[in-house]
Every structure is written in structure tokens, then in C-alpha cells.
Amino acid sequence: MNFTVDKEGALAIFHLHESRLDSTNAAEAKSEFLVLTQSSLDVLILDFSEVTFCDSSGLSAILLAERQLRERDGGIIVVDSHGKVRSLFEIAKLTDVIPLVSTIDEARKLIVED
């Protein structure tokens, strides 16, 4: 799985450099999310701006990260510029649970507003 992570204090941005978040890479994503969420993070931005397909395995990885941070009063924000994650979130009725934005700048604005 091709990804990078930028850390800025209690914020981390996970950039997935893949077109898919599915059964082929979701297990590795979960492992990375567990490592990240066990650190001193308050907010994890999942940058899926390159993702054009996400299935239930990918959704499971996202929900793992959300649950891990929520248990510590933190949270995640998903950057989904193609709308492919949004459609899955809508089917799963998660659009009110996890913020979805189109850009990293929008995600940063959400953090400032909280």
C-alpha cells in the first residue's frame, strides 16, 4: 500500500496514494490506523482524494480509526474529492457520524471550528 503520513502536533494526515481502498489493502490500512490512533493524536485526517473506489473492507478500516479516536475524545475527518467514499457512507448511513469534506483545507477549517 502506498501512503504517506504528515504529523503536526496532535493532528495527523494520512494520504492514501492508491485508487482503491478495498479488500486488497484494507488490512494494511487498519494496521496503520491502529498505530496512528495509539499515539497522542486528537484528530486524524484520512486523505482519500486519490481514491476512486471504496468497498466494505475499506469502510471497516475507516470505522476502526473512528472508534479508536472517539474512545479518547478525538475524531477523524475524511477527505473524499471524488465522492466515492460518500456514496458508501450514505448507504451505511454514516454521513452524520464522520465528517466528509472535499479538501484538506476544508478538514482543517472543521478542526478550527471545533
N, C-alpha and C. Protein backbone atom coordinates (compact mmCIF):
# COMPACT_ATOMS: atom_id res chain seq x y z
N MET A 1 0.85 -1.17 0.00
CA MET A 1 0.00 0.00 0.00
C MET A 1 0.90 1.23 0.00
N ASN A 2 0.56 2.17 -0.84
CA ASN A 2 1.34 3.38 -0.99
C ASN A 2 0.65 4.52 -0.23
N PHE A 3 1.31 5.05 0.80
CA PHE A 3 0.73 6.12 1.60
C PHE A 3 1.84 6.95 2.23
N THR A 4 1.48 8.14 2.68
CA THR A 4 2.37 8.98 3.48
C THR A 4 1.57 9.51 4.66
N VAL A 5 2.29 9.91 5.69
CA VAL A 5 1.65 10.48 6.88
C VAL A 5 2.39 11.76 7.24
N ASP A 6 1.63 12.83 7.43
CA ASP A 6 2.17 14.10 7.92
C ASP A 6 1.63 14.30 9.32
N LYS A 7 2.55 14.55 10.27
CA LYS A 7 2.12 14.79 11.64
C LYS A 7 2.41 16.24 12.02
N GLU A 8 1.42 16.85 12.67
CA GLU A 8 1.53 18.23 13.14
C GLU A 8 0.96 18.28 14.54
N GLY A 9 1.77 18.02 15.53
CA GLY A 9 1.28 18.00 16.91
C GLY A 9 0.29 16.88 17.11
N ALA A 10 -0.93 17.23 17.55
CA ALA A 10 -1.96 16.23 17.82
C ALA A 10 -2.80 15.91 16.59
N LEU A 11 -2.33 16.36 15.42
CA LEU A 11 -3.02 16.11 14.14
C LEU A 11 -2.12 15.27 13.24
N ALA A 12 -2.72 14.30 12.57
CA ALA A 12 -2.01 13.53 11.55
C ALA A 12 -2.88 13.49 10.30
N ILE A 13 -2.21 13.56 9.16
CA ILE A 13 -2.90 13.44 7.88
C ILE A 13 -2.36 12.21 7.18
N PHE A 14 -3.23 11.25 6.97
CA PHE A 14 -2.89 10.00 6.29
C PHE A 14 -3.29 10.17 4.82
N HIS A 15 -2.31 10.20 3.92
CA HIS A 15 -2.57 10.35 2.49
C HIS A 15 -2.46 8.98 1.83
N LEU A 16 -3.56 8.46 1.32
CA LEU A 16 -3.53 7.19 0.62
C LEU A 16 -3.27 7.46 -0.86
N HIS A 17 -2.16 6.95 -1.36
CA HIS A 17 -1.78 7.15 -2.77
C HIS A 17 -2.13 5.91 -3.58
N GLU A 18 -3.39 5.54 -3.50
CA GLU A 18 -3.93 4.39 -4.22
C GLU A 18 -5.29 4.80 -4.77
N SER A 19 -5.72 4.15 -5.82
CA SER A 19 -7.04 4.47 -6.37
C SER A 19 -8.15 3.67 -5.68
N ARG A 20 -7.75 2.66 -4.90
CA ARG A 20 -8.76 1.80 -4.26
C ARG A 20 -8.46 1.64 -2.77
N LEU A 21 -9.52 1.59 -1.99
CA LEU A 21 -9.44 1.18 -0.60
C LEU A 21 -10.43 0.04 -0.48
N ASP A 22 -9.89 -1.18 -0.58
CA ASP A 22 -10.74 -2.36 -0.65
C ASP A 22 -10.06 -3.54 0.02
N SER A 23 -10.54 -4.73 -0.25
CA SER A 23 -10.02 -5.93 0.41
C SER A 23 -8.55 -6.18 0.13
N THR A 24 -8.01 -5.59 -0.92
CA THR A 24 -6.60 -5.80 -1.24
C THR A 24 -5.66 -5.01 -0.34
N ASN A 25 -6.15 -3.92 0.26
CA ASN A 25 -5.26 -3.11 1.10
C ASN A 25 -5.88 -2.66 2.42
N ALA A 26 -7.12 -3.04 2.69
CA ALA A 26 -7.80 -2.59 3.91
C ALA A 26 -7.13 -3.11 5.18
N ALA A 27 -6.63 -4.32 5.16
CA ALA A 27 -5.97 -4.86 6.35
C ALA A 27 -4.73 -4.05 6.70
N GLU A 28 -3.97 -3.68 5.69
CA GLU A 28 -2.79 -2.85 5.93
C GLU A 28 -3.18 -1.45 6.40
N ALA A 29 -4.26 -0.93 5.84
CA ALA A 29 -4.76 0.38 6.28
C ALA A 29 -5.17 0.30 7.76
N LYS A 30 -5.87 -0.75 8.14
CA LYS A 30 -6.27 -0.93 9.54
C LYS A 30 -5.05 -0.93 10.46
N SER A 31 -4.02 -1.65 10.05
CA SER A 31 -2.80 -1.70 10.86
C SER A 31 -2.19 -0.32 11.04
N GLU A 32 -2.12 0.43 9.97
CA GLU A 32 -1.58 1.79 10.04
C GLU A 32 -2.45 2.68 10.90
N PHE A 33 -3.77 2.56 10.75
CA PHE A 33 -4.68 3.37 11.55
C PHE A 33 -4.54 3.05 13.03
N LEU A 34 -4.36 1.77 13.36
CA LEU A 34 -4.17 1.39 14.76
C LEU A 34 -2.90 2.01 15.32
N VAL A 35 -1.83 1.97 14.56
CA VAL A 35 -0.57 2.58 15.01
C VAL A 35 -0.77 4.08 15.23
N LEU A 36 -1.38 4.73 14.27
CA LEU A 36 -1.59 6.18 14.38
C LEU A 36 -2.50 6.54 15.56
N THR A 37 -3.57 5.80 15.74
CA THR A 37 -4.53 6.15 16.79
C THR A 37 -4.05 5.79 18.19
N GLN A 38 -3.01 5.00 18.28
CA GLN A 38 -2.45 4.67 19.59
C GLN A 38 -1.44 5.72 20.04
N SER A 39 -1.12 6.67 19.17
CA SER A 39 -0.22 7.76 19.55
C SER A 39 -1.05 8.87 20.20
N SER A 40 -0.47 10.01 20.38
CA SER A 40 -1.14 11.11 21.08
C SER A 40 -1.96 12.00 20.15
N LEU A 41 -2.65 11.38 19.21
CA LEU A 41 -3.46 12.15 18.25
C LEU A 41 -4.80 12.56 18.84
N ASP A 42 -5.26 13.74 18.41
CA ASP A 42 -6.62 14.16 18.69
C ASP A 42 -7.47 14.03 17.43
N VAL A 43 -6.85 14.32 16.28
CA VAL A 43 -7.57 14.30 15.01
C VAL A 43 -6.73 13.59 13.95
N LEU A 44 -7.38 12.72 13.20
CA LEU A 44 -6.76 12.05 12.06
C LEU A 44 -7.55 12.41 10.82
N ILE A 45 -6.88 13.04 9.87
CA ILE A 45 -7.49 13.33 8.58
C ILE A 45 -7.09 12.21 7.63
N LEU A 46 -8.08 11.56 7.06
CA LEU A 46 -7.84 10.50 6.09
C LEU A 46 -8.01 11.11 4.71
N ASP A 47 -6.91 11.34 4.03
CA ASP A 47 -6.93 11.97 2.71
C ASP A 47 -7.09 10.88 1.65
N PHE A 48 -8.33 10.73 1.20
CA PHE A 48 -8.64 9.76 0.15
C PHE A 48 -8.93 10.47 -1.16
N SER A 49 -8.26 11.59 -1.39
CA SER A 49 -8.51 12.38 -2.61
C SER A 49 -8.10 11.64 -3.88
N GLU A 50 -7.26 10.61 -3.75
CA GLU A 50 -6.88 9.82 -4.92
C GLU A 50 -7.73 8.56 -5.07
N VAL A 51 -8.58 8.28 -4.09
CA VAL A 51 -9.38 7.05 -4.07
C VAL A 51 -10.60 7.21 -4.98
N THR A 52 -10.76 6.27 -5.90
CA THR A 52 -11.92 6.27 -6.79
C THR A 52 -12.84 5.08 -6.54
N PHE A 53 -12.43 4.18 -5.61
CA PHE A 53 -13.28 3.04 -5.25
C PHE A 53 -13.03 2.67 -3.80
N CYS A 54 -14.11 2.47 -3.05
CA CYS A 54 -14.02 2.03 -1.65
C CYS A 54 -15.12 1.01 -1.43
N ASP A 55 -14.76 -0.14 -0.84
CA ASP A 55 -15.77 -1.15 -0.55
C ASP A 55 -15.96 -1.30 0.96
N SER A 56 -16.70 -2.31 1.36
CA SER A 56 -16.99 -2.51 2.78
C SER A 56 -15.74 -2.79 3.61
N SER A 57 -14.72 -3.39 3.00
CA SER A 57 -13.46 -3.62 3.71
C SER A 57 -12.78 -2.29 4.03
N GLY A 58 -12.82 -1.38 3.07
CA GLY A 58 -12.27 -0.04 3.29
C GLY A 58 -13.06 0.71 4.35
N LEU A 59 -14.37 0.57 4.29
CA LEU A 59 -15.23 1.21 5.28
C LEU A 59 -14.92 0.67 6.67
N SER A 60 -14.67 -0.60 6.79
CA SER A 60 -14.32 -1.20 8.06
C SER A 60 -13.04 -0.58 8.62
N ALA A 61 -12.06 -0.33 7.78
CA ALA A 61 -10.81 0.30 8.22
C ALA A 61 -11.08 1.72 8.72
N ILE A 62 -11.91 2.46 8.01
CA ILE A 62 -12.26 3.83 8.41
C ILE A 62 -12.97 3.81 9.77
N LEU A 63 -13.91 2.89 9.94
CA LEU A 63 -14.65 2.81 11.20
C LEU A 63 -13.77 2.41 12.37
N LEU A 64 -12.76 1.60 12.12
CA LEU A 64 -11.81 1.25 13.17
C LEU A 64 -11.09 2.50 13.67
N ALA A 65 -10.60 3.31 12.74
CA ALA A 65 -9.90 4.54 13.11
C ALA A 65 -10.84 5.47 13.89
N GLU A 66 -12.07 5.60 13.42
CA GLU A 66 -13.04 6.47 14.08
C GLU A 66 -13.30 6.01 15.51
N ARG A 67 -13.51 4.72 15.69
CA ARG A 67 -13.80 4.18 17.01
C ARG A 67 -12.62 4.36 17.97
N GLN A 68 -11.42 4.10 17.47
CA GLN A 68 -10.23 4.23 18.31
C GLN A 68 -10.06 5.66 18.82
N LEU A 69 -10.27 6.64 17.94
CA LEU A 69 -10.11 8.03 18.37
C LEU A 69 -11.30 8.53 19.19
N ARG A 70 -12.49 8.11 18.85
CA ARG A 70 -13.68 8.52 19.62
C ARG A 70 -13.55 8.08 21.07
N GLU A 71 -12.99 6.89 21.30
CA GLU A 71 -12.82 6.39 22.67
C GLU A 71 -11.90 7.29 23.49
N ARG A 72 -11.09 8.10 22.82
CA ARG A 72 -10.18 9.03 23.50
C ARG A 72 -10.61 10.48 23.27
N ASP A 73 -11.88 10.68 22.93
CA ASP A 73 -12.44 12.01 22.68
C ASP A 73 -11.79 12.72 21.50
N GLY A 74 -11.28 11.94 20.56
CA GLY A 74 -10.74 12.50 19.32
C GLY A 74 -11.69 12.22 18.17
N GLY A 75 -11.21 12.39 16.96
CA GLY A 75 -12.07 12.12 15.82
C GLY A 75 -11.31 12.06 14.51
N ILE A 76 -12.01 11.66 13.48
CA ILE A 76 -11.43 11.62 12.14
C ILE A 76 -12.27 12.48 11.21
N ILE A 77 -11.62 12.89 10.14
CA ILE A 77 -12.27 13.61 9.05
C ILE A 77 -11.80 12.94 7.77
N VAL A 78 -12.71 12.67 6.87
CA VAL A 78 -12.37 12.01 5.61
C VAL A 78 -12.42 13.02 4.47
N VAL A 79 -11.32 13.09 3.71
CA VAL A 79 -11.26 13.91 2.51
C VAL A 79 -11.59 13.00 1.33
N ASP A 80 -12.69 13.34 0.64
CA ASP A 80 -13.21 12.49 -0.44
C ASP A 80 -13.57 13.38 -1.62
N SER A 81 -12.60 13.73 -2.42
CA SER A 81 -12.86 14.68 -3.51
C SER A 81 -13.63 14.06 -4.67
N HIS A 82 -13.62 12.74 -4.79
CA HIS A 82 -14.33 12.08 -5.90
C HIS A 82 -15.75 11.66 -5.54
N GLY A 83 -16.09 11.68 -4.25
CA GLY A 83 -17.43 11.29 -3.83
C GLY A 83 -17.64 9.79 -3.74
N LYS A 84 -16.60 9.01 -3.94
CA LYS A 84 -16.75 7.55 -3.91
C LYS A 84 -16.93 7.02 -2.48
N VAL A 85 -16.30 7.65 -1.53
CA VAL A 85 -16.48 7.24 -0.14
C VAL A 85 -17.84 7.73 0.35
N ARG A 86 -18.23 8.92 -0.07
CA ARG A 86 -19.52 9.49 0.34
C ARG A 86 -20.68 8.55 -0.02
N SER A 87 -20.66 8.00 -1.22
CA SER A 87 -21.76 7.13 -1.62
C SER A 87 -21.85 5.90 -0.71
N LEU A 88 -20.72 5.36 -0.31
CA LEU A 88 -20.71 4.23 0.62
C LEU A 88 -21.19 4.68 2.00
N PHE A 89 -20.77 5.86 2.45
CA PHE A 89 -21.23 6.40 3.74
C PHE A 89 -22.73 6.61 3.72
N GLU A 90 -23.27 7.07 2.61
CA GLU A 90 -24.71 7.29 2.52
C GLU A 90 -25.48 5.98 2.62
N ILE A 91 -24.98 4.96 1.95
CA ILE A 91 -25.62 3.63 2.02
C ILE A 91 -25.59 3.11 3.45
N ALA A 92 -24.46 3.31 4.14
CA ALA A 92 -24.29 2.81 5.51
C ALA A 92 -24.86 3.78 6.56
N LYS A 93 -25.41 4.91 6.10
CA LYS A 93 -25.98 5.92 6.99
C LYS A 93 -24.95 6.46 7.99
N LEU A 94 -23.76 6.77 7.48
CA LEU A 94 -22.68 7.27 8.33
C LEU A 94 -22.35 8.74 8.08
N THR A 95 -23.10 9.41 7.21
CA THR A 95 -22.76 10.79 6.87
C THR A 95 -22.91 11.73 8.06
N ASP A 96 -23.69 11.36 9.06
CA ASP A 96 -23.81 12.18 10.26
C ASP A 96 -22.80 11.82 11.33
N VAL A 97 -22.09 10.72 11.13
CA VAL A 97 -21.16 10.22 12.14
C VAL A 97 -19.73 10.71 11.88
N ILE A 98 -19.31 10.65 10.63
CA ILE A 98 -17.94 11.01 10.25
C ILE A 98 -18.00 12.14 9.24
N PRO A 99 -17.33 13.27 9.53
CA PRO A 99 -17.33 14.37 8.57
C PRO A 99 -16.62 14.00 7.27
N LEU A 100 -17.26 14.33 6.16
CA LEU A 100 -16.69 14.14 4.83
C LEU A 100 -16.54 15.52 4.19
N VAL A 101 -15.34 15.80 3.69
CA VAL A 101 -15.08 17.08 3.04
C VAL A 101 -14.37 16.81 1.72
N SER A 102 -14.26 17.86 0.91
CA SER A 102 -13.64 17.69 -0.42
C SER A 102 -12.15 17.98 -0.46
N THR A 103 -11.65 18.75 0.53
CA THR A 103 -10.23 19.12 0.51
C THR A 103 -9.65 19.07 1.93
N ILE A 104 -8.34 19.02 1.99
CA ILE A 104 -7.66 19.07 3.29
C ILE A 104 -7.89 20.42 3.94
N ASP A 105 -7.94 21.49 3.16
CA ASP A 105 -8.22 22.81 3.73
C ASP A 105 -9.57 22.83 4.44
N GLU A 106 -10.58 22.21 3.85
CA GLU A 106 -11.90 22.13 4.49
C GLU A 106 -11.81 21.35 5.80
N ALA A 107 -11.02 20.29 5.80
CA ALA A 107 -10.83 19.49 7.02
C ALA A 107 -10.18 20.33 8.11
N ARG A 108 -9.18 21.10 7.75
CA ARG A 108 -8.50 21.96 8.72
C ARG A 108 -9.47 22.99 9.30
N LYS A 109 -10.35 23.52 8.47
CA LYS A 109 -11.34 24.51 8.94
C LYS A 109 -12.29 23.87 9.95
N LEU A 110 -12.66 22.62 9.73
CA LEU A 110 -13.52 21.92 10.69
C LEU A 110 -12.85 21.79 12.05
N ILE A 111 -11.55 21.54 12.05
CA ILE A 111 -10.80 21.38 13.29
C ILE A 111 -10.78 22.70 14.05
N VAL A 112 -10.57 23.80 13.33
CA VAL A 112 -10.52 25.12 13.95
C VAL A 112 -11.87 25.48 14.54
N GLU A 113 -12.96 25.12 13.85
CA GLU A 113 -14.32 25.42 14.32
C GLU A 113 -14.68 24.68 15.59
N ASP A 114 -14.10 23.48 15.78
CA ASP A 114 -14.42 22.71 16.98
C ASP A 114 -13.70 23.30 18.13
